[in-house]
Amino acid sequence: PANLVRLGRQIARSADAEDMEEEAELVRR
């Protein structure tokens, strides 16, 4: 499970949003 934590931290550091306009209205609101 330590690999899960390491991967989670890696994902959290690298995650950058791109386009939000294609999201469903419920999600955007």
ModelCIF file with pLDDT and N, C-alpha, C, O atoms, coordinates in Angstrom:
data_MODEL
#
_entry.id   MODEL 
#
_entity.id                         1 
_entity.type                       polymer 
_entity.pdbx_number_of_molecules   1 
#
_entity_poly.entity_id                      1 
_entity_poly.type                           'polypeptide(L)' 
_entity_poly.nstd_linkage                   no 
_entity_poly.nstd_monomer                   no 
_entity_poly.pdbx_seq_one_letter_code       PANLVRLGRQIARSADAEDMEEEAELVRR 
_entity_poly.pdbx_seq_one_letter_code_can   PANLVRLGRQIARSADAEDMEEEAELVRR 
_entity_poly.pdbx_strand_id                 A 
#
loop_
_entity_poly_seq.entity_id 
_entity_poly_seq.num 
_entity_poly_seq.mon_id 
_entity_poly_seq.hetero 
1 1  PRO n 
1 2  ALA n 
1 3  ASN n 
1 4  LEU n 
1 5  VAL n 
1 6  ARG n 
1 7  LEU n 
1 8  GLY n 
1 9  ARG n 
1 10 GLN n 
1 11 ILE n 
1 12 ALA n 
1 13 ARG n 
1 14 SER n 
1 15 ALA n 
1 16 ASP n 
1 17 ALA n 
1 18 GLU n 
1 19 ASP n 
1 20 MET n 
1 21 GLU n 
1 22 GLU n 
1 23 GLU n 
1 24 ALA n 
1 25 GLU n 
1 26 LEU n 
1 27 VAL n 
1 28 ARG n 
1 29 ARG n 
#
_struct_asym.id          A 
_struct_asym.entity_id   1 
#
loop_
_ma_qa_metric.id 
_ma_qa_metric.mode 
_ma_qa_metric.name 
_ma_qa_metric.software_group_id 
_ma_qa_metric.type 
1 global pLDDT . pLDDT 
2 local  pLDDT . pLDDT 
#
_ma_qa_metric_global.metric_id      1 
_ma_qa_metric_global.metric_value   89.66 
_ma_qa_metric_global.model_id       1 
_ma_qa_metric_global.ordinal_id     1 
#
loop_
_ma_qa_metric_local.label_asym_id 
_ma_qa_metric_local.label_comp_id 
_ma_qa_metric_local.label_seq_id 
_ma_qa_metric_local.metric_id 
_ma_qa_metric_local.metric_value 
_ma_qa_metric_local.model_id 
_ma_qa_metric_local.ordinal_id 
A PRO 1  2 95.00 1 1  
A ALA 2  2 96.00 1 2  
A ASN 3  2 96.00 1 3  
A LEU 4  2 97.00 1 4  
A VAL 5  2 97.00 1 5  
A ARG 6  2 97.00 1 6  
A LEU 7  2 97.00 1 7  
A GLY 8  2 97.00 1 8  
A ARG 9  2 97.00 1 9  
A GLN 10 2 96.00 1 10 
A ILE 11 2 95.00 1 11 
A ALA 12 2 95.00 1 12 
A ARG 13 2 91.00 1 13 
A SER 14 2 81.00 1 14 
A ALA 15 2 77.00 1 15 
A ASP 16 2 75.00 1 16 
A ALA 17 2 70.00 1 17 
A GLU 18 2 68.00 1 18 
A ASP 19 2 69.00 1 19 
A MET 20 2 81.00 1 20 
A GLU 21 2 82.00 1 21 
A GLU 22 2 88.00 1 22 
A GLU 23 2 94.00 1 23 
A ALA 24 2 94.00 1 24 
A GLU 25 2 94.00 1 25 
A LEU 26 2 95.00 1 26 
A VAL 27 2 96.00 1 27 
A ARG 28 2 95.00 1 28 
A ARG 29 2 95.00 1 29 
#
loop_
_atom_site.group_PDB 
_atom_site.id 
_atom_site.type_symbol 
_atom_site.label_atom_id 
_atom_site.label_alt_id 
_atom_site.label_comp_id 
_atom_site.label_asym_id 
_atom_site.label_entity_id 
_atom_site.label_seq_id 
_atom_site.pdbx_PDB_ins_code 
_atom_site.Cartn_x 
_atom_site.Cartn_y 
_atom_site.Cartn_z 
_atom_site.occupancy 
_atom_site.B_iso_or_equiv 
_atom_site.pdbx_formal_charge 
_atom_site.auth_seq_id 
_atom_site.auth_comp_id 
_atom_site.auth_asym_id 
_atom_site.auth_atom_id 
_atom_site.pdbx_PDB_model_num 
ATOM 1   N N  . PRO A 1 1  ? 0.797   -1.225 0.000   1.00 95.00 ? 1  PRO A N  1 
ATOM 2   C CA . PRO A 1 1  ? 0.000   0.000  0.000   1.00 95.00 ? 1  PRO A CA 1 
ATOM 3   C C  . PRO A 1 1  ? 0.833   1.280  0.000   1.00 95.00 ? 1  PRO A C  1 
ATOM 4   O O  . PRO A 1 1  ? 0.326   2.349  -0.341  1.00 95.00 ? 1  PRO A O  1 
ATOM 5   N N  . ALA A 1 2  ? 2.100   1.179  0.377   1.00 96.00 ? 2  ALA A N  1 
ATOM 6   C CA . ALA A 1 2  ? 2.959   2.365  0.326   1.00 96.00 ? 2  ALA A CA 1 
ATOM 7   C C  . ALA A 1 2  ? 3.084   2.891  -1.098  1.00 96.00 ? 2  ALA A C  1 
ATOM 8   O O  . ALA A 1 2  ? 3.289   4.086  -1.312  1.00 96.00 ? 2  ALA A O  1 
ATOM 9   N N  . ASN A 1 3  ? 2.960   1.991  -2.067  1.00 96.00 ? 3  ASN A N  1 
ATOM 10  C CA . ASN A 1 3  ? 3.015   2.418  -3.467  1.00 96.00 ? 3  ASN A CA 1 
ATOM 11  C C  . ASN A 1 3  ? 1.793   3.242  -3.848  1.00 96.00 ? 3  ASN A C  1 
ATOM 12  O O  . ASN A 1 3  ? 1.870   4.122  -4.705  1.00 96.00 ? 3  ASN A O  1 
ATOM 13  N N  . LEU A 1 4  ? 0.668   2.951  -3.209  1.00 97.00 ? 4  LEU A N  1 
ATOM 14  C CA . LEU A 1 4  ? -0.539  3.745  -3.445  1.00 97.00 ? 4  LEU A CA 1 
ATOM 15  C C  . LEU A 1 4  ? -0.324  5.179  -2.971  1.00 97.00 ? 4  LEU A C  1 
ATOM 16  O O  . LEU A 1 4  ? -0.688  6.125  -3.670  1.00 97.00 ? 4  LEU A O  1 
ATOM 17  N N  . VAL A 1 5  ? 0.259   5.342  -1.803  1.00 97.00 ? 5  VAL A N  1 
ATOM 18  C CA . VAL A 1 5  ? 0.516   6.678  -1.263  1.00 97.00 ? 5  VAL A CA 1 
ATOM 19  C C  . VAL A 1 5  ? 1.492   7.439  -2.150  1.00 97.00 ? 5  VAL A C  1 
ATOM 20  O O  . VAL A 1 5  ? 1.284   8.617  -2.443  1.00 97.00 ? 5  VAL A O  1 
ATOM 21  N N  . ARG A 1 6  ? 2.553   6.766  -2.576  1.00 97.00 ? 6  ARG A N  1 
ATOM 22  C CA . ARG A 1 6  ? 3.538   7.434  -3.444  1.00 97.00 ? 6  ARG A CA 1 
ATOM 23  C C  . ARG A 1 6  ? 2.907   7.882  -4.753  1.00 97.00 ? 6  ARG A C  1 
ATOM 24  O O  . ARG A 1 6  ? 3.160   8.991  -5.223  1.00 97.00 ? 6  ARG A O  1 
ATOM 25  N N  . LEU A 1 7  ? 2.085   7.016  -5.340  1.00 97.00 ? 7  LEU A N  1 
ATOM 26  C CA . LEU A 1 7  ? 1.441   7.378  -6.602  1.00 97.00 ? 7  LEU A CA 1 
ATOM 27  C C  . LEU A 1 7  ? 0.441   8.507  -6.399  1.00 97.00 ? 7  LEU A C  1 
ATOM 28  O O  . LEU A 1 7  ? 0.332   9.402  -7.238  1.00 97.00 ? 7  LEU A O  1 
ATOM 29  N N  . GLY A 1 8  ? -0.291  8.471  -5.285  1.00 97.00 ? 8  GLY A N  1 
ATOM 30  C CA . GLY A 1 8  ? -1.239  9.539  -4.993  1.00 97.00 ? 8  GLY A CA 1 
ATOM 31  C C  . GLY A 1 8  ? -0.556  10.886 -4.880  1.00 97.00 ? 8  GLY A C  1 
ATOM 32  O O  . GLY A 1 8  ? -1.061  11.885 -5.392  1.00 97.00 ? 8  GLY A O  1 
ATOM 33  N N  . ARG A 1 9  ? 0.590   10.921 -4.214  1.00 97.00 ? 9  ARG A N  1 
ATOM 34  C CA . ARG A 1 9  ? 1.334   12.178 -4.080  1.00 97.00 ? 9  ARG A CA 1 
ATOM 35  C C  . ARG A 1 9  ? 1.853   12.658 -5.429  1.00 97.00 ? 9  ARG A C  1 
ATOM 36  O O  . ARG A 1 9  ? 1.859   13.855 -5.715  1.00 97.00 ? 9  ARG A O  1 
ATOM 37  N N  . GLN A 1 10 ? 2.283   11.722 -6.242  1.00 96.00 ? 10 GLN A N  1 
ATOM 38  C CA . GLN A 1 10 ? 2.766   12.082 -7.578  1.00 96.00 ? 10 GLN A CA 1 
ATOM 39  C C  . GLN A 1 10 ? 1.642   12.680 -8.418  1.00 96.00 ? 10 GLN A C  1 
ATOM 40  O O  . GLN A 1 10 ? 1.830   13.684 -9.105  1.00 96.00 ? 10 GLN A O  1 
ATOM 41  N N  . ILE A 1 11 ? 0.470   12.048 -8.353  1.00 95.00 ? 11 ILE A N  1 
ATOM 42  C CA . ILE A 1 11 ? -0.699  12.542 -9.090  1.00 95.00 ? 11 ILE A CA 1 
ATOM 43  C C  . ILE A 1 11 ? -1.074  13.938 -8.605  1.00 95.00 ? 11 ILE A C  1 
ATOM 44  O O  . ILE A 1 11 ? -1.347  14.827 -9.411  1.00 95.00 ? 11 ILE A O  1 
ATOM 45  N N  . ALA A 1 12 ? -1.087  14.129 -7.296  1.00 95.00 ? 12 ALA A N  1 
ATOM 46  C CA . ALA A 1 12 ? -1.491  15.414 -6.725  1.00 95.00 ? 12 ALA A CA 1 
ATOM 47  C C  . ALA A 1 12 ? -0.547  16.534 -7.154  1.00 95.00 ? 12 ALA A C  1 
ATOM 48  O O  . ALA A 1 12 ? -0.987  17.666 -7.353  1.00 95.00 ? 12 ALA A O  1 
ATOM 49  N N  . ARG A 1 13 ? 0.744   16.234 -7.297  1.00 91.00 ? 13 ARG A N  1 
ATOM 50  C CA . ARG A 1 13 ? 1.717   17.258 -7.708  1.00 91.00 ? 13 ARG A CA 1 
ATOM 51  C C  . ARG A 1 13 ? 1.602   17.610 -9.185  1.00 91.00 ? 13 ARG A C  1 
ATOM 52  O O  . ARG A 1 13 ? 1.791   18.762 -9.573  1.00 91.00 ? 13 ARG A O  1 
ATOM 53  N N  . SER A 1 14 ? 1.290   16.614 -10.005 1.00 81.00 ? 14 SER A N  1 
ATOM 54  C CA . SER A 1 14 ? 1.344   16.816 -11.453 1.00 81.00 ? 14 SER A CA 1 
ATOM 55  C C  . SER A 1 14 ? 0.011   17.212 -12.070 1.00 81.00 ? 14 SER A C  1 
ATOM 56  O O  . SER A 1 14 ? -0.036  17.613 -13.233 1.00 81.00 ? 14 SER A O  1 
ATOM 57  N N  . ALA A 1 15 ? -1.067  17.107 -11.312 1.00 77.00 ? 15 ALA A N  1 
ATOM 58  C CA . ALA A 1 15 ? -2.396  17.327 -11.881 1.00 77.00 ? 15 ALA A CA 1 
ATOM 59  C C  . ALA A 1 15 ? -2.637  18.793 -12.218 1.00 77.00 ? 15 ALA A C  1 
ATOM 60  O O  . ALA A 1 15 ? -2.563  19.659 -11.345 1.00 77.00 ? 15 ALA A O  1 
ATOM 61  N N  . ASP A 1 16 ? -2.921  19.063 -13.471 1.00 75.00 ? 16 ASP A N  1 
ATOM 62  C CA . ASP A 1 16 ? -3.270  20.404 -13.927 1.00 75.00 ? 16 ASP A CA 1 
ATOM 63  C C  . ASP A 1 16 ? -4.505  20.308 -14.813 1.00 75.00 ? 16 ASP A C  1 
ATOM 64  O O  . ASP A 1 16 ? -4.581  19.459 -15.702 1.00 75.00 ? 16 ASP A O  1 
ATOM 65  N N  . ALA A 1 17 ? -5.465  21.183 -14.563 1.00 70.00 ? 17 ALA A N  1 
ATOM 66  C CA . ALA A 1 17 ? -6.704  21.167 -15.339 1.00 70.00 ? 17 ALA A CA 1 
ATOM 67  C C  . ALA A 1 17 ? -6.496  21.824 -16.687 1.00 70.00 ? 17 ALA A C  1 
ATOM 68  O O  . ALA A 1 17 ? -5.660  22.715 -16.844 1.00 70.00 ? 17 ALA A O  1 
ATOM 69  N N  . GLU A 1 18 ? -7.261  21.374 -17.643 1.00 68.00 ? 18 GLU A N  1 
ATOM 70  C CA . GLU A 1 18 ? -7.248  22.000 -18.958 1.00 68.00 ? 18 GLU A CA 1 
ATOM 71  C C  . GLU A 1 18 ? -8.607  22.669 -19.185 1.00 68.00 ? 18 GLU A C  1 
ATOM 72  O O  . GLU A 1 18 ? -8.902  23.698 -18.576 1.00 68.00 ? 18 GLU A O  1 
ATOM 73  N N  . ASP A 1 19 ? -9.421  22.095 -20.045 1.00 69.00 ? 19 ASP A N  1 
ATOM 74  C CA . ASP A 1 19 ? -10.697 22.725 -20.394 1.00 69.00 ? 19 ASP A CA 1 
ATOM 75  C C  . ASP A 1 19 ? -11.798 22.264 -19.443 1.00 69.00 ? 19 ASP A C  1 
ATOM 76  O O  . ASP A 1 19 ? -11.993 21.064 -19.251 1.00 69.00 ? 19 ASP A O  1 
ATOM 77  N N  . MET A 1 20 ? -12.522 23.222 -18.844 1.00 81.00 ? 20 MET A N  1 
ATOM 78  C CA . MET A 1 20 ? -13.623 22.891 -17.949 1.00 81.00 ? 20 MET A CA 1 
ATOM 79  C C  . MET A 1 20 ? -14.977 23.022 -18.625 1.00 81.00 ? 20 MET A C  1 
ATOM 80  O O  . MET A 1 20 ? -15.988 22.591 -18.070 1.00 81.00 ? 20 MET A O  1 
ATOM 81  N N  . GLU A 1 21 ? -15.014 23.601 -19.797 1.00 82.00 ? 21 GLU A N  1 
ATOM 82  C CA . GLU A 1 21 ? -16.284 23.924 -20.436 1.00 82.00 ? 21 GLU A CA 1 
ATOM 83  C C  . GLU A 1 21 ? -17.016 22.697 -20.957 1.00 82.00 ? 21 GLU A C  1 
ATOM 84  O O  . GLU A 1 21 ? -18.222 22.756 -21.197 1.00 82.00 ? 21 GLU A O  1 
ATOM 85  N N  . GLU A 1 22 ? -16.310 21.591 -21.136 1.00 88.00 ? 22 GLU A N  1 
ATOM 86  C CA . GLU A 1 22 ? -16.952 20.389 -21.648 1.00 88.00 ? 22 GLU A CA 1 
ATOM 87  C C  . GLU A 1 22 ? -17.570 19.541 -20.545 1.00 88.00 ? 22 GLU A C  1 
ATOM 88  O O  . GLU A 1 22 ? -18.162 18.497 -20.821 1.00 88.00 ? 22 GLU A O  1 
ATOM 89  N N  . GLU A 1 23 ? -17.438 19.977 -19.314 1.00 94.00 ? 23 GLU A N  1 
ATOM 90  C CA . GLU A 1 23 ? -18.029 19.233 -18.203 1.00 94.00 ? 23 GLU A CA 1 
ATOM 91  C C  . GLU A 1 23 ? -19.552 19.378 -18.204 1.00 94.00 ? 23 GLU A C  1 
ATOM 92  O O  . GLU A 1 23 ? -20.089 20.382 -18.671 1.00 94.00 ? 23 GLU A O  1 
ATOM 93  N N  . ALA A 1 24 ? -20.236 18.365 -17.676 1.00 94.00 ? 24 ALA A N  1 
ATOM 94  C CA . ALA A 1 24 ? -21.690 18.412 -17.565 1.00 94.00 ? 24 ALA A CA 1 
ATOM 95  C C  . ALA A 1 24 ? -22.100 19.606 -16.700 1.00 94.00 ? 24 ALA A C  1 
ATOM 96  O O  . ALA A 1 24 ? -21.364 20.024 -15.806 1.00 94.00 ? 24 ALA A O  1 
ATOM 97  N N  . GLU A 1 25 ? -23.275 20.138 -16.980 1.00 94.00 ? 25 GLU A N  1 
ATOM 98  C CA . GLU A 1 25 ? -23.743 21.320 -16.244 1.00 94.00 ? 25 GLU A CA 1 
ATOM 99  C C  . GLU A 1 25 ? -23.804 21.054 -14.750 1.00 94.00 ? 25 GLU A C  1 
ATOM 100 O O  . GLU A 1 25 ? -23.424 21.911 -13.951 1.00 94.00 ? 25 GLU A O  1 
ATOM 101 N N  . LEU A 1 26 ? -24.281 19.868 -14.363 1.00 95.00 ? 26 LEU A N  1 
ATOM 102 C CA . LEU A 1 26 ? -24.344 19.535 -12.937 1.00 95.00 ? 26 LEU A CA 1 
ATOM 103 C C  . LEU A 1 26 ? -22.969 19.644 -12.297 1.00 95.00 ? 26 LEU A C  1 
ATOM 104 O O  . LEU A 1 26 ? -22.844 20.160 -11.187 1.00 95.00 ? 26 LEU A O  1 
ATOM 105 N N  . VAL A 1 27 ? -21.948 19.172 -12.973 1.00 96.00 ? 27 VAL A N  1 
ATOM 106 C CA . VAL A 1 27 ? -20.585 19.213 -12.439 1.00 96.00 ? 27 VAL A CA 1 
ATOM 107 C C  . VAL A 1 27 ? -20.098 20.656 -12.337 1.00 96.00 ? 27 VAL A C  1 
ATOM 108 O O  . VAL A 1 27 ? -19.525 21.038 -11.317 1.00 96.00 ? 27 VAL A O  1 
ATOM 109 N N  . ARG A 1 28 ? -20.314 21.456 -13.370 1.00 95.00 ? 28 ARG A N  1 
ATOM 110 C CA . ARG A 1 28 ? -19.840 22.844 -13.360 1.00 95.00 ? 28 ARG A CA 1 
ATOM 111 C C  . ARG A 1 28 ? -20.526 23.670 -12.286 1.00 95.00 ? 28 ARG A C  1 
ATOM 112 O O  . ARG A 1 28 ? -19.922 24.580 -11.718 1.00 95.00 ? 28 ARG A O  1 
ATOM 113 N N  . ARG A 1 29 ? -21.781 23.360 -12.005 1.00 95.00 ? 29 ARG A N  1 
ATOM 114 C CA . ARG A 1 29 ? -22.531 24.142 -11.025 1.00 95.00 ? 29 ARG A CA 1 
ATOM 115 C C  . ARG A 1 29 ? -22.269 23.716 -9.592  1.00 95.00 ? 29 ARG A C  1 
ATOM 116 O O  . ARG A 1 29 ? -22.837 24.291 -8.663  1.00 95.00 ? 29 ARG A O  1 
#
